[in-house]
Amino acid sequence: MISPPKRAGLRVAKGKLRMHDETCRQILVRIARVTTCTDLDRDGFQSLMGFFEYLGFQPIDTSAPRPGR
């Protein structure tokens, strides 16, 4: 099972890609072989994020220094 922040990241990717719920569920089944994000494991999460990046999603680099920190 993946952490809540990773599930939130998937929701962000889904929104940025303007993906419908049904389309996202179909991708979950085909790519990660699960029916909900709650059932994702680490490998499924990595596969799903890789596919979202292939579709054009660009995650922000959280390891980069941010102004004011």
C-alpha atoms as a PDB file:
ATOM      1  CA  MET A   1       0.000   0.000   0.000  1.00  0.00           C
ATOM      2  CA  ILE A   2       1.306   3.469  -0.873  1.00  0.00           C
ATOM      3  CA  SER A   3       1.331   6.487   1.428  1.00  0.00           C
ATOM      4  CA  PRO A   4      -1.357   9.193   1.424  1.00  0.00           C
ATOM      5  CA  PRO A   5       1.021  11.791  -0.103  1.00  0.00           C
ATOM      6  CA  LYS A   6       1.689   9.450  -3.033  1.00  0.00           C
ATOM      7  CA  ARG A   7      -2.047   8.916  -3.509  1.00  0.00           C
ATOM      8  CA  ALA A   8      -2.429  12.704  -3.505  1.00  0.00           C
ATOM      9  CA  GLY A   9       0.277  12.907  -6.178  1.00  0.00           C
ATOM     10  CA  LEU A  10      -1.715  10.515  -8.333  1.00  0.00           C
ATOM     11  CA  ARG A  11      -4.795  12.720  -7.954  1.00  0.00           C
ATOM     12  CA  VAL A  12      -2.724  15.742  -9.009  1.00  0.00           C
ATOM     13  CA  ALA A  13      -1.420  13.881 -12.074  1.00  0.00           C
ATOM     14  CA  LYS A  14      -4.932  12.746 -12.969  1.00  0.00           C
ATOM     15  CA  GLY A  15      -6.186  16.334 -12.701  1.00  0.00           C
ATOM     16  CA  LYS A  16      -3.322  17.848 -14.698  1.00  0.00           C
ATOM     17  CA  LEU A  17      -3.884  15.278 -17.436  1.00  0.00           C
ATOM     18  CA  ARG A  18      -7.642  16.039 -17.322  1.00  0.00           C
ATOM     19  CA  MET A  19      -8.373  12.360 -17.001  1.00  0.00           C
ATOM     20  CA  HIS A  20     -11.872  11.054 -16.286  1.00  0.00           C
ATOM     21  CA  ASP A  21     -12.411   8.713 -13.319  1.00  0.00           C
ATOM     22  CA  GLU A  22     -13.322   5.773 -15.536  1.00  0.00           C
ATOM     23  CA  THR A  23     -10.234   6.261 -17.701  1.00  0.00           C
ATOM     24  CA  CYS A  24      -8.037   6.386 -14.606  1.00  0.00           C
ATOM     25  CA  ARG A  25      -9.577   3.157 -13.285  1.00  0.00           C
ATOM     26  CA  GLN A  26      -8.956   1.427 -16.605  1.00  0.00           C
ATOM     27  CA  ILE A  27      -5.318   2.539 -16.493  1.00  0.00           C
ATOM     28  CA  LEU A  28      -5.014   1.275 -12.905  1.00  0.00           C
ATOM     29  CA  VAL A  29      -6.219  -2.152 -14.002  1.00  0.00           C
ATOM     30  CA  ARG A  30      -4.057  -2.341 -17.138  1.00  0.00           C
ATOM     31  CA  ILE A  31      -0.831  -0.849 -15.783  1.00  0.00           C
ATOM     32  CA  ALA A  32      -0.814  -1.764 -12.078  1.00  0.00           C
ATOM     33  CA  ARG A  33      -3.348  -4.628 -12.029  1.00  0.00           C
ATOM     34  CA  VAL A  34      -5.392  -3.097  -9.183  1.00  0.00           C
ATOM     35  CA  THR A  35      -8.849  -1.535  -9.096  1.00  0.00           C
ATOM     36  CA  THR A  36      -8.168   1.368  -6.685  1.00  0.00           C
ATOM     37  CA  CYS A  37      -5.225   3.561  -5.708  1.00  0.00           C
ATOM     38  CA  THR A  38      -5.504   2.184  -2.184  1.00  0.00           C
ATOM     39  CA  ASP A  39      -4.420  -1.239  -3.468  1.00  0.00           C
ATOM     40  CA  LEU A  40      -1.283   0.055  -5.213  1.00  0.00           C
ATOM     41  CA  ASP A  41       2.105  -1.188  -4.102  1.00  0.00           C
ATOM     42  CA  ARG A  42       5.435   0.553  -4.710  1.00  0.00           C
ATOM     43  CA  ASP A  43       6.027  -1.108  -8.091  1.00  0.00           C
ATOM     44  CA  GLY A  44       2.498  -0.349  -9.277  1.00  0.00           C
ATOM     45  CA  PHE A  45       2.892   3.274  -8.206  1.00  0.00           C
ATOM     46  CA  GLN A  46       6.189   3.574 -10.101  1.00  0.00           C
ATOM     47  CA  SER A  47       4.626   2.047 -13.221  1.00  0.00           C
ATOM     48  CA  LEU A  48       1.615   4.320 -13.028  1.00  0.00           C
ATOM     49  CA  MET A  49       3.690   7.479 -12.558  1.00  0.00           C
ATOM     50  CA  GLY A  50       5.909   6.422 -15.456  1.00  0.00           C
ATOM     51  CA  PHE A  51       2.837   6.056 -17.647  1.00  0.00           C
ATOM     52  CA  PHE A  52       1.500   9.455 -16.533  1.00  0.00           C
ATOM     53  CA  GLU A  53       4.870  10.997 -17.416  1.00  0.00           C
ATOM     54  CA  TYR A  54       4.667   9.298 -20.819  1.00  0.00           C
ATOM     55  CA  LEU A  55       1.288  11.010 -21.252  1.00  0.00           C
ATOM     56  CA  GLY A  56       2.879  14.396 -20.490  1.00  0.00           C
ATOM     57  CA  PHE A  57       2.651  14.828 -16.715  1.00  0.00           C
ATOM     58  CA  GLN A  58       5.708  16.552 -15.249  1.00  0.00           C
ATOM     59  CA  PRO A  59       6.090  16.014 -11.504  1.00  0.00           C
ATOM     60  CA  ILE A  60       7.884  18.718  -9.570  1.00  0.00           C
ATOM     61  CA  ASP A  61      11.246  17.858  -8.065  1.00  0.00           C
ATOM     62  CA  THR A  62      10.710  17.985  -4.304  1.00  0.00           C
ATOM     63  CA  SER A  63      14.415  17.523  -3.615  1.00  0.00           C
ATOM     64  CA  ALA A  64      15.322  20.837  -5.255  1.00  0.00           C
ATOM     65  CA  PRO A  65      15.965  23.774  -2.916  1.00  0.00           C
ATOM     66  CA  ARG A  66      13.005  26.114  -2.590  1.00  0.00           C
ATOM     67  CA  PRO A  67      13.233  29.856  -2.019  1.00  0.00           C
ATOM     68  CA  GLY A  68      12.845  30.898   1.598  1.00  0.00           C
ATOM     69  CA  ARG A  69      13.925  27.554   3.058  1.00  0.00           C
END
